C-alpha atoms as a PDB file:
ATOM      1  CA  MET A   1    -379.063 -61.085 -33.539  1.00  0.00           C
ATOM      2  CA  ALA A   2    -376.820 -61.808 -36.616  1.00  0.00           C
ATOM      3  CA  SER A   3    -378.068 -61.499 -40.080  1.00  0.00           C
ATOM      4  CA  ARG A   4    -379.355 -64.789 -41.313  1.00  0.00           C
ATOM      5  CA  ARG A   5    -380.219 -65.266 -45.033  1.00  0.00           C
ATOM      6  CA  SER A   6    -383.699 -65.396 -45.836  1.00  0.00           C
ATOM      7  CA  LEU A   7    -385.158 -68.516 -47.484  1.00  0.00           C
ATOM      8  CA  THR A   8    -387.066 -67.938 -50.601  1.00  0.00           C
ATOM      9  CA  GLY A   9    -388.924 -71.234 -51.007  1.00  0.00           C
ATOM     10  CA  GLY A  10    -388.805 -73.579 -54.120  1.00  0.00           C
ATOM     11  CA  SER A  11    -386.722 -76.640 -54.055  1.00  0.00           C
ATOM     12  CA  GLY A  12    -383.864 -74.633 -52.341  1.00  0.00           C
ATOM     13  CA  THR A  13    -380.256 -74.782 -52.600  1.00  0.00           C
ATOM     14  CA  ASP A  14    -379.812 -75.132 -49.274  1.00  0.00           C
ATOM     15  CA  VAL A  15    -381.864 -78.473 -48.412  1.00  0.00           C
ATOM     16  CA  ASN A  16    -379.047 -80.736 -48.841  1.00  0.00           C
ATOM     17  CA  ALA A  17    -376.884 -78.920 -46.269  1.00  0.00           C
ATOM     18  CA  THR A  18    -379.615 -79.551 -43.691  1.00  0.00           C
ATOM     19  CA  ILE A  19    -379.525 -83.383 -44.238  1.00  0.00           C
ATOM     20  CA  GLY A  20    -376.809 -84.050 -42.088  1.00  0.00           C
ATOM     21  CA  THR A  21    -378.171 -82.194 -38.962  1.00  0.00           C
ATOM     22  CA  ALA A  22    -381.841 -83.324 -39.429  1.00  0.00           C
ATOM     23  CA  LEU A  23    -380.777 -87.141 -39.795  1.00  0.00           C
ATOM     24  CA  ARG A  24    -378.680 -86.641 -36.684  1.00  0.00           C
ATOM     25  CA  MET A  25    -381.655 -85.330 -34.913  1.00  0.00           C
ATOM     26  CA  GLY A  26    -383.817 -88.430 -36.260  1.00  0.00           C
ATOM     27  CA  GLU A  27    -381.428 -90.881 -34.821  1.00  0.00           C
ATOM     28  CA  GLN A  28    -381.548 -89.187 -31.492  1.00  0.00           C
ATOM     29  CA  MET A  29    -385.487 -89.141 -31.765  1.00  0.00           C
ATOM     30  CA  PHE A  30    -386.060 -92.713 -33.173  1.00  0.00           C
ATOM     31  CA  SER A  31    -384.588 -96.321 -32.585  1.00  0.00           C
ATOM     32  CA  SER A  32    -382.362 -97.695 -35.526  1.00  0.00           C
ATOM     33  CA  PHE A  33    -385.186 -99.646 -36.476  1.00  0.00           C
ATOM     34  CA  GLU A  34    -387.881 -96.913 -36.580  1.00  0.00           C
ATOM     35  CA  LEU A  35    -385.433 -94.896 -38.833  1.00  0.00           C
ATOM     36  CA  LYS A  36    -384.877 -97.388 -41.234  1.00  0.00           C
ATOM     37  CA  SER A  37    -388.352 -98.538 -41.158  1.00  0.00           C
ATOM     38  CA  VAL A  38    -389.448 -94.835 -42.183  1.00  0.00           C
ATOM     39  CA  CYS A  39    -386.491 -94.166 -44.752  1.00  0.00           C
ATOM     40  CA  SER A  40    -386.802 -97.652 -46.483  1.00  0.00           C
ATOM     41  CA  ARG A  41    -390.340 -96.736 -47.810  1.00  0.00           C
ATOM     42  CA  LEU A  42    -389.419 -93.447 -48.873  1.00  0.00           C
ATOM     43  CA  VAL A  43    -385.980 -93.706 -50.691  1.00  0.00           C
ATOM     44  CA  ARG A  44    -388.037 -96.022 -53.270  1.00  0.00           C
ATOM     45  CA  ARG A  45    -389.910 -93.033 -54.351  1.00  0.00           C
ATOM     46  CA  THR A  46    -389.300 -89.943 -56.192  1.00  0.00           C
ATOM     47  CA  ARG A  47    -386.071 -87.816 -56.280  1.00  0.00           C
ATOM     48  CA  TRP A  48    -387.925 -85.036 -54.097  1.00  0.00           C
ATOM     49  CA  ALA A  49    -389.067 -87.625 -51.598  1.00  0.00           C
ATOM     50  CA  ARG A  50    -385.363 -89.179 -51.338  1.00  0.00           C
ATOM     51  CA  ILE A  51    -384.026 -85.582 -50.777  1.00  0.00           C
ATOM     52  CA  LEU A  52    -386.424 -85.148 -47.777  1.00  0.00           C
ATOM     53  CA  ALA A  53    -386.901 -88.661 -46.506  1.00  0.00           C
ATOM     54  CA  GLY A  54    -383.559 -89.172 -44.512  1.00  0.00           C
ATOM     55  CA  ALA A  55    -383.219 -85.578 -43.729  1.00  0.00           C
ATOM     56  CA  ALA A  56    -386.362 -84.944 -42.486  1.00  0.00           C
ATOM     57  CA  LEU A  57    -388.915 -87.553 -41.874  1.00  0.00           C
ATOM     58  CA  ALA A  58    -386.604 -89.612 -39.700  1.00  0.00           C
ATOM     59  CA  ALA A  59    -386.151 -86.449 -37.434  1.00  0.00           C
ATOM     60  CA  CYS A  60    -389.849 -85.632 -37.044  1.00  0.00           C
ATOM     61  CA  VAL A  61    -392.832 -88.117 -37.969  1.00  0.00           C
ATOM     62  CA  SER A  62    -394.526 -87.865 -34.374  1.00  0.00           C
ATOM     63  CA  GLY A  63    -393.266 -86.132 -31.472  1.00  0.00           C
ATOM     64  CA  ALA A  64    -390.927 -84.338 -33.552  1.00  0.00           C
ATOM     65  CA  ALA A  65    -390.636 -81.213 -31.143  1.00  0.00           C
ATOM     66  CA  GLY A  66    -387.940 -82.634 -28.901  1.00  0.00           C
ATOM     67  CA  ALA A  67    -387.363 -80.918 -25.956  1.00  0.00           C
ATOM     68  CA  GLN A  68    -390.294 -79.040 -25.599  1.00  0.00           C
ATOM     69  CA  ALA A  69    -393.497 -80.367 -23.813  1.00  0.00           C
ATOM     70  CA  PRO A  70    -395.426 -82.772 -26.031  1.00  0.00           C
ATOM     71  CA  GLU A  71    -398.693 -81.767 -24.934  1.00  0.00           C
ATOM     72  CA  LYS A  72    -398.270 -78.228 -25.681  1.00  0.00           C
ATOM     73  CA  ILE A  73    -397.044 -79.104 -29.709  1.00  0.00           C
ATOM     74  CA  PRO A  74    -399.636 -80.069 -32.344  1.00  0.00           C
ATOM     75  CA  ASN A  75    -398.770 -82.928 -34.142  1.00  0.00           C
ATOM     76  CA  LEU A  76    -398.492 -81.462 -37.680  1.00  0.00           C
ATOM     77  CA  ALA A  77    -395.504 -83.585 -38.968  1.00  0.00           C
ATOM     78  CA  SER A  78    -396.563 -86.171 -42.218  1.00  0.00           C
ATOM     79  CA  SER A  79    -395.629 -89.501 -42.011  1.00  0.00           C
ATOM     80  CA  SER A  80    -394.812 -91.544 -45.107  1.00  0.00           C
ATOM     81  CA  ASN A  81    -398.486 -92.289 -46.090  1.00  0.00           C
ATOM     82  CA  PHE A  82    -400.292 -89.102 -44.698  1.00  0.00           C
ATOM     83  CA  ALA A  83    -400.780 -85.558 -45.589  1.00  0.00           C
ATOM     84  CA  TRP A  84    -402.955 -82.582 -45.014  1.00  0.00           C
ATOM     85  CA  THR A  85    -405.489 -82.199 -47.930  1.00  0.00           C
ATOM     86  CA  PRO A  86    -407.020 -78.666 -48.605  1.00  0.00           C
ATOM     87  CA  LEU A  87    -410.761 -78.209 -48.292  1.00  0.00           C
ATOM     88  CA  THR A  88    -413.500 -76.305 -49.421  1.00  0.00           C
ATOM     89  CA  ILE A  89    -415.737 -74.600 -46.592  1.00  0.00           C
ATOM     90  CA  ASN A  90    -418.483 -77.614 -47.333  1.00  0.00           C
ATOM     91  CA  GLY A  91    -415.418 -80.125 -46.408  1.00  0.00           C
ATOM     92  CA  GLY A  92    -414.631 -81.258 -50.053  1.00  0.00           C
ATOM     93  CA  ILE A  93    -411.564 -80.896 -52.076  1.00  0.00           C
ATOM     94  CA  ALA A  94    -410.388 -77.561 -52.600  1.00  0.00           C
ATOM     95  CA  ARG A  95    -410.708 -76.759 -56.228  1.00  0.00           C
ATOM     96  CA  TYR A  96    -410.343 -73.714 -58.243  1.00  0.00           C
ATOM     97  CA  GLY A  97    -412.660 -70.846 -56.434  1.00  0.00           C
ATOM     98  CA  THR A  98    -411.890 -71.903 -52.959  1.00  0.00           C
ATOM     99  CA  GLY A  99    -410.683 -69.132 -51.374  1.00  0.00           C
ATOM    100  CA  TRP A 100    -410.320 -67.832 -47.827  1.00  0.00           C
ATOM    101  CA  PHE A 101    -412.820 -68.823 -45.378  1.00  0.00           C
ATOM    102  CA  ASP A 102    -414.215 -66.213 -42.908  1.00  0.00           C
ATOM    103  CA  PRO A 103    -412.823 -65.599 -39.245  1.00  0.00           C
ATOM    104  CA  PRO A 104    -414.449 -65.971 -36.028  1.00  0.00           C
ATOM    105  CA  ALA A 105    -416.953 -63.196 -35.465  1.00  0.00           C
ATOM    106  CA  GLY A 106    -415.909 -60.016 -34.794  1.00  0.00           C
ATOM    107  CA  LEU A 107    -412.705 -59.797 -36.843  1.00  0.00           C
ATOM    108  CA  ARG A 108    -412.571 -58.184 -40.345  1.00  0.00           C
ATOM    109  CA  GLY A 109    -412.888 -61.074 -42.950  1.00  0.00           C
ATOM    110  CA  PRO A 110    -410.976 -61.267 -46.168  1.00  0.00           C
ATOM    111  CA  ILE A 111    -411.554 -59.795 -49.461  1.00  0.00           C
ATOM    112  CA  LYS A 112    -414.746 -61.208 -51.385  1.00  0.00           C
ATOM    113  CA  GLN A 113    -415.661 -61.431 -55.185  1.00  0.00           C
ATOM    114  CA  HIS A 114    -417.190 -58.489 -57.070  1.00  0.00           C
ATOM    115  CA  PRO A 115    -420.710 -58.629 -56.340  1.00  0.00           C
ATOM    116  CA  ASP A 116    -421.435 -57.921 -59.882  1.00  0.00           C
ATOM    117  CA  TYR A 117    -419.798 -60.985 -60.927  1.00  0.00           C
ATOM    118  CA  PRO A 118    -420.548 -63.759 -58.905  1.00  0.00           C
ATOM    119  CA  LEU A 119    -417.930 -66.662 -58.612  1.00  0.00           C
ATOM    120  CA  ARG A 120    -418.665 -70.162 -59.578  1.00  0.00           C
ATOM    121  CA  GLY A 121    -415.763 -72.785 -58.821  1.00  0.00           C
ATOM    122  CA  ASN A 122    -414.762 -75.898 -60.737  1.00  0.00           C
ATOM    123  CA  GLU A 123    -417.153 -78.150 -58.829  1.00  0.00           C
ATOM    124  CA  THR A 124    -419.950 -76.052 -60.722  1.00  0.00           C
ATOM    125  CA  ARG A 125    -418.310 -77.496 -63.944  1.00  0.00           C
ATOM    126  CA  ARG A 126    -419.088 -73.631 -65.270  1.00  0.00           C
ATOM    127  CA  PRO A 127    -416.446 -71.717 -63.430  1.00  0.00           C
ATOM    128  CA  THR A 128    -416.457 -68.371 -63.695  1.00  0.00           C
ATOM    129  CA  PRO A 129    -413.327 -66.073 -62.921  1.00  0.00           C
ATOM    130  CA  ALA A 130    -412.247 -64.479 -59.651  1.00  0.00           C
ATOM    131  CA  LEU A 131    -412.562 -60.731 -59.676  1.00  0.00           C
ATOM    132  CA  GLY A 132    -412.023 -59.155 -56.552  1.00  0.00           C
ATOM    133  CA  ASN A 133    -414.295 -56.421 -54.863  1.00  0.00           C
ATOM    134  CA  TRP A 134    -411.954 -53.249 -55.392  1.00  0.00           C
ATOM    135  CA  LYS A 135    -414.495 -51.043 -53.998  1.00  0.00           C
ATOM    136  CA  ASP A 136    -414.097 -52.874 -50.432  1.00  0.00           C
ATOM    137  CA  PRO A 137    -413.232 -50.078 -47.963  1.00  0.00           C
ATOM    138  CA  ILE A 138    -410.421 -51.886 -46.188  1.00  0.00           C
ATOM    139  CA  LEU A 139    -408.063 -51.100 -49.508  1.00  0.00           C
ATOM    140  CA  LYS A 140    -405.991 -48.111 -49.827  1.00  0.00           C
ATOM    141  CA  SER A 141    -406.601 -46.181 -53.194  1.00  0.00           C
ATOM    142  CA  TRP A 142    -403.823 -47.641 -55.039  1.00  0.00           C
ATOM    143  CA  ALA A 143    -404.608 -51.382 -54.112  1.00  0.00           C
ATOM    144  CA  ALA A 144    -407.894 -50.711 -55.104  1.00  0.00           C
ATOM    145  CA  GLU A 145    -407.175 -49.152 -58.500  1.00  0.00           C
ATOM    146  CA  GLN A 146    -404.756 -51.827 -58.901  1.00  0.00           C
ATOM    147  CA  MET A 147    -407.486 -54.498 -58.639  1.00  0.00           C
ATOM    148  CA  ARG A 148    -409.970 -52.608 -60.722  1.00  0.00           C
ATOM    149  CA  LEU A 149    -407.457 -52.479 -63.582  1.00  0.00           C
ATOM    150  CA  SER A 150    -406.600 -56.424 -63.065  1.00  0.00           C
ATOM    151  CA  ASN A 151    -410.346 -56.982 -63.335  1.00  0.00           C
ATOM    152  CA  GLU A 152    -410.708 -54.734 -66.552  1.00  0.00           C
ATOM    153  CA  GLU A 153    -408.124 -56.649 -68.356  1.00  0.00           C
ATOM    154  CA  PHE A 154    -410.294 -59.889 -68.195  1.00  0.00           C
ATOM    155  CA  LEU A 155    -413.523 -58.071 -68.722  1.00  0.00           C
ATOM    156  CA  SER A 156    -412.086 -56.191 -71.825  1.00  0.00           C
ATOM    157  CA  GLY A 157    -410.794 -59.195 -73.277  1.00  0.00           C
ATOM    158  CA  LYS A 158    -407.088 -58.376 -73.013  1.00  0.00           C
ATOM    159  CA  VAL A 159    -406.636 -61.774 -71.157  1.00  0.00           C
ATOM    160  CA  GLY A 160    -408.716 -64.893 -71.327  1.00  0.00           C
ATOM    161  CA  ILE A 161    -407.647 -66.056 -67.933  1.00  0.00           C
ATOM    162  CA  PRO A 162    -406.922 -63.828 -64.651  1.00  0.00           C
ATOM    163  CA  PHE A 163    -403.424 -64.501 -63.020  1.00  0.00           C
ATOM    164  CA  LEU A 164    -403.595 -67.626 -60.548  1.00  0.00           C
ATOM    165  CA  ALA A 165    -400.389 -68.674 -59.128  1.00  0.00           C
ATOM    166  CA  GLN A 166    -400.947 -72.500 -58.684  1.00  0.00           C
ATOM    167  CA  SER A 167    -402.209 -72.414 -62.381  1.00  0.00           C
ATOM    168  CA  ARG A 168    -399.333 -70.341 -63.592  1.00  0.00           C
ATOM    169  CA  CYS A 169    -396.648 -72.287 -61.426  1.00  0.00           C
ATOM    170  CA  TRP A 170    -395.632 -69.077 -59.631  1.00  0.00           C
ATOM    171  CA  PRO A 171    -394.780 -69.171 -55.885  1.00  0.00           C
ATOM    172  CA  GLY A 172    -398.154 -68.188 -53.809  1.00  0.00           C
ATOM    173  CA  GLY A 173    -396.305 -66.189 -51.101  1.00  0.00           C
ATOM    174  CA  VAL A 174    -397.305 -65.771 -47.847  1.00  0.00           C
ATOM    175  CA  PRO A 175    -400.163 -66.149 -46.711  1.00  0.00           C
ATOM    176  CA  GLY A 176    -401.286 -67.071 -50.602  1.00  0.00           C
ATOM    177  CA  GLN A 177    -399.465 -70.196 -50.728  1.00  0.00           C
ATOM    178  CA  LEU A 178    -401.757 -71.620 -48.257  1.00  0.00           C
ATOM    179  CA  LEU A 179    -404.640 -71.473 -50.863  1.00  0.00           C
ATOM    180  CA  TRP A 180    -403.019 -73.861 -53.210  1.00  0.00           C
ATOM    181  CA  THR A 181    -405.849 -76.504 -53.844  1.00  0.00           C
ATOM    182  CA  THR A 182    -406.225 -80.240 -54.598  1.00  0.00           C
ATOM    183  CA  GLU A 183    -402.805 -81.531 -53.842  1.00  0.00           C
ATOM    184  CA  PRO A 184    -401.711 -81.964 -50.154  1.00  0.00           C
ATOM    185  CA  LEU A 185    -399.504 -80.102 -47.938  1.00  0.00           C
ATOM    186  CA  TYR A 186    -397.017 -81.694 -45.598  1.00  0.00           C
ATOM    187  CA  PHE A 187    -395.146 -80.779 -42.518  1.00  0.00           C
ATOM    188  CA  ILE A 188    -391.798 -81.740 -41.078  1.00  0.00           C
ATOM    189  CA  GLN A 189    -391.201 -80.571 -37.429  1.00  0.00           C
ATOM    190  CA  THR A 190    -387.390 -80.598 -35.980  1.00  0.00           C
ATOM    191  CA  PRO A 191    -386.568 -78.623 -32.768  1.00  0.00           C
ATOM    192  CA  LYS A 192    -385.054 -75.714 -34.722  1.00  0.00           C
ATOM    193  CA  VAL A 193    -387.128 -75.504 -37.862  1.00  0.00           C
ATOM    194  CA  VAL A 194    -390.193 -76.436 -39.329  1.00  0.00           C
ATOM    195  CA  TRP A 195    -390.995 -77.347 -42.839  1.00  0.00           C
ATOM    196  CA  MET A 196    -393.998 -76.912 -45.042  1.00  0.00           C
ATOM    197  CA  LEU A 197    -393.842 -78.560 -48.340  1.00  0.00           C
ATOM    198  CA  TRP A 198    -396.475 -78.730 -50.927  1.00  0.00           C
ATOM    199  CA  GLN A 199    -396.824 -81.584 -53.331  1.00  0.00           C
ATOM    200  CA  ARG A 200    -397.196 -79.504 -56.317  1.00  0.00           C
ATOM    201  CA  ASP A 201    -394.082 -78.318 -57.747  1.00  0.00           C
ATOM    202  CA  GLN A 202    -392.300 -79.336 -54.381  1.00  0.00           C
ATOM    203  CA  TRP A 203    -392.590 -75.768 -52.742  1.00  0.00           C
ATOM    204  CA  VAL A 204    -390.655 -75.439 -49.725  1.00  0.00           C
ATOM    205  CA  ARG A 205    -391.311 -72.933 -46.901  1.00  0.00           C
ATOM    206  CA  ARG A 206    -389.263 -72.756 -43.599  1.00  0.00           C
ATOM    207  CA  ILE A 207    -390.306 -71.590 -40.449  1.00  0.00           C
ATOM    208  CA  TYR A 208    -387.505 -70.974 -37.845  1.00  0.00           C
ATOM    209  CA  MET A 209    -388.171 -71.927 -34.114  1.00  0.00           C
ATOM    210  CA  THR A 210    -386.625 -68.871 -32.600  1.00  0.00           C
ATOM    211  CA  ASP A 211    -387.914 -65.537 -30.781  1.00  0.00           C
ATOM    212  CA  GLN A 212    -386.612 -62.947 -32.819  1.00  0.00           C
ATOM    213  CA  HIS A 213    -386.172 -62.063 -36.565  1.00  0.00           C
ATOM    214  CA  SER A 214    -383.224 -61.401 -38.390  1.00  0.00           C
ATOM    215  CA  GLU A 215    -381.452 -57.889 -37.970  1.00  0.00           C
ATOM    216  CA  TYR A 216    -381.727 -57.500 -41.840  1.00  0.00           C
ATOM    217  CA  VAL A 217    -384.222 -59.488 -43.804  1.00  0.00           C
ATOM    218  CA  LYS A 218    -383.913 -59.178 -47.708  1.00  0.00           C
ATOM    219  CA  PRO A 219    -387.135 -59.438 -49.097  1.00  0.00           C
ATOM    220  CA  SER A 220    -388.110 -62.558 -51.002  1.00  0.00           C
ATOM    221  CA  TRP A 221    -391.114 -64.607 -52.105  1.00  0.00           C
ATOM    222  CA  TYR A 222    -391.728 -66.317 -48.825  1.00  0.00           C
ATOM    223  CA  GLY A 223    -389.883 -63.541 -46.409  1.00  0.00           C
ATOM    224  CA  GLU A 224    -388.377 -64.862 -42.978  1.00  0.00           C
ATOM    225  CA  SER A 225    -390.711 -66.969 -40.873  1.00  0.00           C
ATOM    226  CA  ILE A 226    -390.155 -67.434 -37.242  1.00  0.00           C
ATOM    227  CA  GLY A 227    -392.196 -69.580 -35.076  1.00  0.00           C
ATOM    228  CA  ARG A 228    -393.152 -70.821 -31.685  1.00  0.00           C
ATOM    229  CA  TYR A 229    -395.532 -73.316 -29.976  1.00  0.00           C
ATOM    230  CA  GLU A 230    -398.258 -71.565 -27.607  1.00  0.00           C
ATOM    231  CA  ASN A 231    -401.164 -73.239 -26.153  1.00  0.00           C
ATOM    232  CA  GLY A 232    -401.139 -76.358 -28.553  1.00  0.00           C
ATOM    233  CA  GLU A 233    -400.862 -74.223 -31.843  1.00  0.00           C
ATOM    234  CA  LEU A 234    -397.871 -73.391 -33.782  1.00  0.00           C
ATOM    235  CA  VAL A 235    -397.587 -69.701 -34.177  1.00  0.00           C
ATOM    236  CA  VAL A 236    -395.893 -68.265 -37.292  1.00  0.00           C
ATOM    237  CA  ASP A 237    -394.767 -64.570 -37.513  1.00  0.00           C
ATOM    238  CA  THR A 238    -393.458 -63.344 -41.062  1.00  0.00           C
ATOM    239  CA  VAL A 239    -391.916 -60.279 -42.367  1.00  0.00           C
ATOM    240  CA  GLY A 240    -389.760 -59.183 -45.342  1.00  0.00           C
ATOM    241  CA  LEU A 241    -392.499 -60.322 -48.082  1.00  0.00           C
ATOM    242  CA  ALA A 242    -391.022 -58.642 -51.429  1.00  0.00           C
ATOM    243  CA  ALA A 243    -393.870 -56.923 -53.407  1.00  0.00           C
ATOM    244  CA  ASN A 244    -393.361 -58.738 -56.646  1.00  0.00           C
ATOM    245  CA  LYS A 245    -395.271 -58.173 -59.445  1.00  0.00           C
ATOM    246  CA  ASN A 246    -397.194 -61.444 -59.245  1.00  0.00           C
ATOM    247  CA  SER A 247    -397.189 -61.475 -55.324  1.00  0.00           C
ATOM    248  CA  TYR A 248    -400.811 -61.408 -53.862  1.00  0.00           C
ATOM    249  CA  ILE A 249    -402.380 -62.726 -50.896  1.00  0.00           C
ATOM    250  CA  ASP A 250    -405.310 -64.208 -52.475  1.00  0.00           C
ATOM    251  CA  MET A 251    -407.063 -65.433 -55.583  1.00  0.00           C
ATOM    252  CA  TYR A 252    -408.566 -61.813 -56.597  1.00  0.00           C
ATOM    253  CA  ARG A 253    -404.931 -60.507 -56.788  1.00  0.00           C
ATOM    254  CA  THR A 254    -405.013 -58.245 -53.947  1.00  0.00           C
ATOM    255  CA  PRO A 255    -401.458 -57.012 -53.800  1.00  0.00           C
ATOM    256  CA  HIS A 256    -399.467 -55.758 -50.780  1.00  0.00           C
ATOM    257  CA  THR A 257    -395.795 -53.803 -50.234  1.00  0.00           C
ATOM    258  CA  GLU A 258    -393.041 -54.773 -48.304  1.00  0.00           C
ATOM    259  CA  LYS A 259    -394.529 -53.591 -45.090  1.00  0.00           C
ATOM    260  CA  LEU A 260    -396.695 -56.780 -45.213  1.00  0.00           C
ATOM    261  CA  HIS A 261    -396.797 -58.722 -41.711  1.00  0.00           C
ATOM    262  CA  VAL A 262    -398.581 -61.952 -41.281  1.00  0.00           C
ATOM    263  CA  VAL A 263    -399.045 -64.137 -38.153  1.00  0.00           C
ATOM    264  CA  GLU A 264    -400.408 -67.523 -38.810  1.00  0.00           C
ATOM    265  CA  ARG A 265    -401.834 -69.906 -36.097  1.00  0.00           C
ATOM    266  CA  PHE A 266    -401.953 -73.702 -36.996  1.00  0.00           C
ATOM    267  CA  LYS A 267    -403.739 -75.832 -34.897  1.00  0.00           C
ATOM    268  CA  VAL A 268    -405.298 -79.727 -35.193  1.00  0.00           C
ATOM    269  CA  THR A 269    -409.003 -80.185 -34.150  1.00  0.00           C
ATOM    270  CA  PRO A 270    -409.348 -82.259 -30.858  1.00  0.00           C
ATOM    271  CA  ASP A 271    -410.583 -85.320 -32.997  1.00  0.00           C
ATOM    272  CA  ASN A 272    -406.828 -85.150 -34.742  1.00  0.00           C
ATOM    273  CA  LYS A 273    -408.675 -85.165 -38.184  1.00  0.00           C
ATOM    274  CA  PHE A 274    -408.096 -81.614 -39.309  1.00  0.00           C
ATOM    275  CA  LEU A 275    -405.718 -78.789 -39.421  1.00  0.00           C
ATOM    276  CA  GLU A 276    -406.949 -75.450 -39.173  1.00  0.00           C
ATOM    277  CA  ALA A 277    -405.254 -71.863 -39.640  1.00  0.00           C
ATOM    278  CA  LEU A 278    -406.401 -68.411 -38.528  1.00  0.00           C
ATOM    279  CA  VAL A 279    -404.408 -65.826 -40.085  1.00  0.00           C
ATOM    280  CA  LYS A 280    -403.768 -62.212 -39.454  1.00  0.00           C
ATOM    281  CA  ILE A 281    -402.150 -59.752 -41.976  1.00  0.00           C
ATOM    282  CA  GLU A 282    -401.395 -56.020 -41.642  1.00  0.00           C
ATOM    283  CA  ASP A 283    -399.699 -53.654 -44.201  1.00  0.00           C
ATOM    284  CA  GLU A 284    -400.730 -50.004 -43.213  1.00  0.00           C
ATOM    285  CA  ASP A 285    -399.753 -48.927 -47.002  1.00  0.00           C
ATOM    286  CA  THR A 286    -402.320 -51.253 -48.587  1.00  0.00           C
ATOM    287  CA  PHE A 287    -405.321 -52.170 -45.832  1.00  0.00           C
ATOM    288  CA  ASN A 288    -406.801 -49.564 -43.516  1.00  0.00           C
ATOM    289  CA  GLU A 289    -407.131 -52.066 -40.823  1.00  0.00           C
ATOM    290  CA  PRO A 290    -406.001 -55.760 -39.987  1.00  0.00           C
ATOM    291  CA  MET A 291    -407.431 -58.539 -42.027  1.00  0.00           C
ATOM    292  CA  TYR A 292    -408.417 -62.055 -40.757  1.00  0.00           C
ATOM    293  CA  MET A 293    -409.158 -65.269 -42.977  1.00  0.00           C
ATOM    294  CA  THR A 294    -409.123 -69.050 -41.879  1.00  0.00           C
ATOM    295  CA  LYS A 295    -408.370 -71.982 -43.729  1.00  0.00           C
ATOM    296  CA  ARG A 296    -408.652 -75.837 -43.320  1.00  0.00           C
ATOM    297  CA  TRP A 297    -407.234 -79.233 -44.492  1.00  0.00           C
ATOM    298  CA  ARG A 298    -408.044 -82.656 -43.599  1.00  0.00           C
ATOM    299  CA  ARG A 299    -405.786 -85.285 -42.566  1.00  0.00           C
ATOM    300  CA  ASP A 300    -405.737 -88.042 -45.667  1.00  0.00           C
ATOM    301  CA  SER A 301    -403.877 -91.156 -46.481  1.00  0.00           C
ATOM    302  CA  ASN A 302    -401.378 -89.866 -49.097  1.00  0.00           C
ATOM    303  CA  ASP A 303    -398.163 -91.235 -50.555  1.00  0.00           C
ATOM    304  CA  TRP A 304    -395.584 -88.758 -51.325  1.00  0.00           C
ATOM    305  CA  LEU A 305    -395.438 -87.838 -54.622  1.00  0.00           C
ATOM    306  CA  GLU A 306    -393.567 -85.205 -56.952  1.00  0.00           C
ATOM    307  CA  THR A 307    -395.927 -83.069 -59.079  1.00  0.00           C
ATOM    308  CA  ILE A 308    -394.223 -81.003 -61.798  1.00  0.00           C
ATOM    309  CA  CYS A 309    -396.336 -77.730 -62.667  1.00  0.00           C
ATOM    310  CA  ALA A 310    -394.505 -76.278 -65.551  1.00  0.00           C
ATOM    311  CA  GLU A 311    -394.184 -78.911 -68.169  1.00  0.00           C
ATOM    312  CA  ASN A 312    -395.078 -76.646 -70.694  1.00  0.00           C
ATOM    313  CA  ASN A 313    -395.347 -72.879 -71.704  1.00  0.00           C
ATOM    314  CA  ILE A 314    -397.922 -72.808 -74.298  1.00  0.00           C
ATOM    315  CA  ASP A 315    -401.051 -70.856 -74.927  1.00  0.00           C
ATOM    316  CA  PRO A 316    -403.178 -73.295 -77.149  1.00  0.00           C
ATOM    317  CA  PHE A 317    -406.388 -71.144 -76.591  1.00  0.00           C
ATOM    318  CA  ASN A 318    -405.037 -67.923 -77.456  1.00  0.00           C
ATOM    319  CA  GLU A 319    -405.749 -66.751 -73.597  1.00  0.00           C
ATOM    320  CA  ASN A 320    -402.590 -64.624 -73.214  1.00  0.00           C
ATOM    321  CA  PRO A 321    -401.923 -65.559 -69.611  1.00  0.00           C
ATOM    322  CA  VAL A 322    -399.177 -64.752 -67.600  1.00  0.00           C
ATOM    323  CA  SER A 323    -396.213 -66.819 -68.679  1.00  0.00           C
ATOM    324  CA  VAL A 324    -394.907 -69.570 -66.257  1.00  0.00           C
ATOM    325  CA  PRO A 325    -391.539 -68.763 -64.830  1.00  0.00           C
ATOM    326  CA  GLN A 326    -388.574 -69.126 -66.782  1.00  0.00           C
ATOM    327  CA  ALA A 327    -384.932 -69.282 -65.899  1.00  0.00           C
ATOM    328  CA  GLU A 328    -382.540 -66.375 -67.374  1.00  0.00           C
ATOM    329  CA  ARG A 329    -379.643 -68.755 -67.104  1.00  0.00           C
ATOM    330  CA  PRO A 330    -378.706 -72.499 -66.361  1.00  0.00           C
ATOM    331  CA  ASP A 331    -378.387 -73.667 -62.941  1.00  0.00           C
ATOM    332  CA  PHE A 332    -375.218 -75.739 -63.895  1.00  0.00           C
END
């Protein structure tokens, strides 16, 4: 299979290049009236919504998967007024402190908070920092030591707030981006590409609906994701994930190498109210065995909005956090 450029997320320089193709798909799947109805509600909104509306939503609001059997394809695609809201394990809206949920019985679960430092989330109004259990036996020695040093930076007072991608406007990577809290996630489904879009900072992830990875995948924040529909689920296989300095699989700053291999299975519950993901990660240079975790979202009414993350890069409380990303040169 010919090499294909990996997509790295963000607002994406190639988004506009897909508009014509997606719009033509939309015209084939919907009547002219439906297409205009969807677009007209969106083009009046933000710059981000305008970019996506004509290209994507017209192609795939419902029944967007085209040629494959509808009963085997989960309806993930967001319309102009609903999205997937991230949840806590108890069903509330996810805030700081909401990490991975445990997998089904019999599967090895995610890294947890260090037992010596109990975690309290924002909902307690007395949040405590996320300090991972670096003594977890699943970790290779180098990964355990890196997590220990990361904890020590906070405990020694070197930093006042441990790094968290969403809080510092960094990409979450795969699978860490699924942990982004509070603000919604959107899906756009077309026959060839499924797009995942986050309201916050408009991060974009693309899943190519094909059965084979590129011959060469240049490591990047989001790697290369390929997908298929299987038993009513969207199954996503991702490789080529760069081991960047601030690239972690969770809020505990659990590291990985470029050997990280992630498989996600997304499904909508029978009542059509919730979206669930079962995630499997493998990295033989970081973990001693595969690790599994789950995540959940709720279908909620929500207008398409544009939330900007990196408005400022200041440290008013002298907590020495990781800086927000900064461009080294102008885009134009």
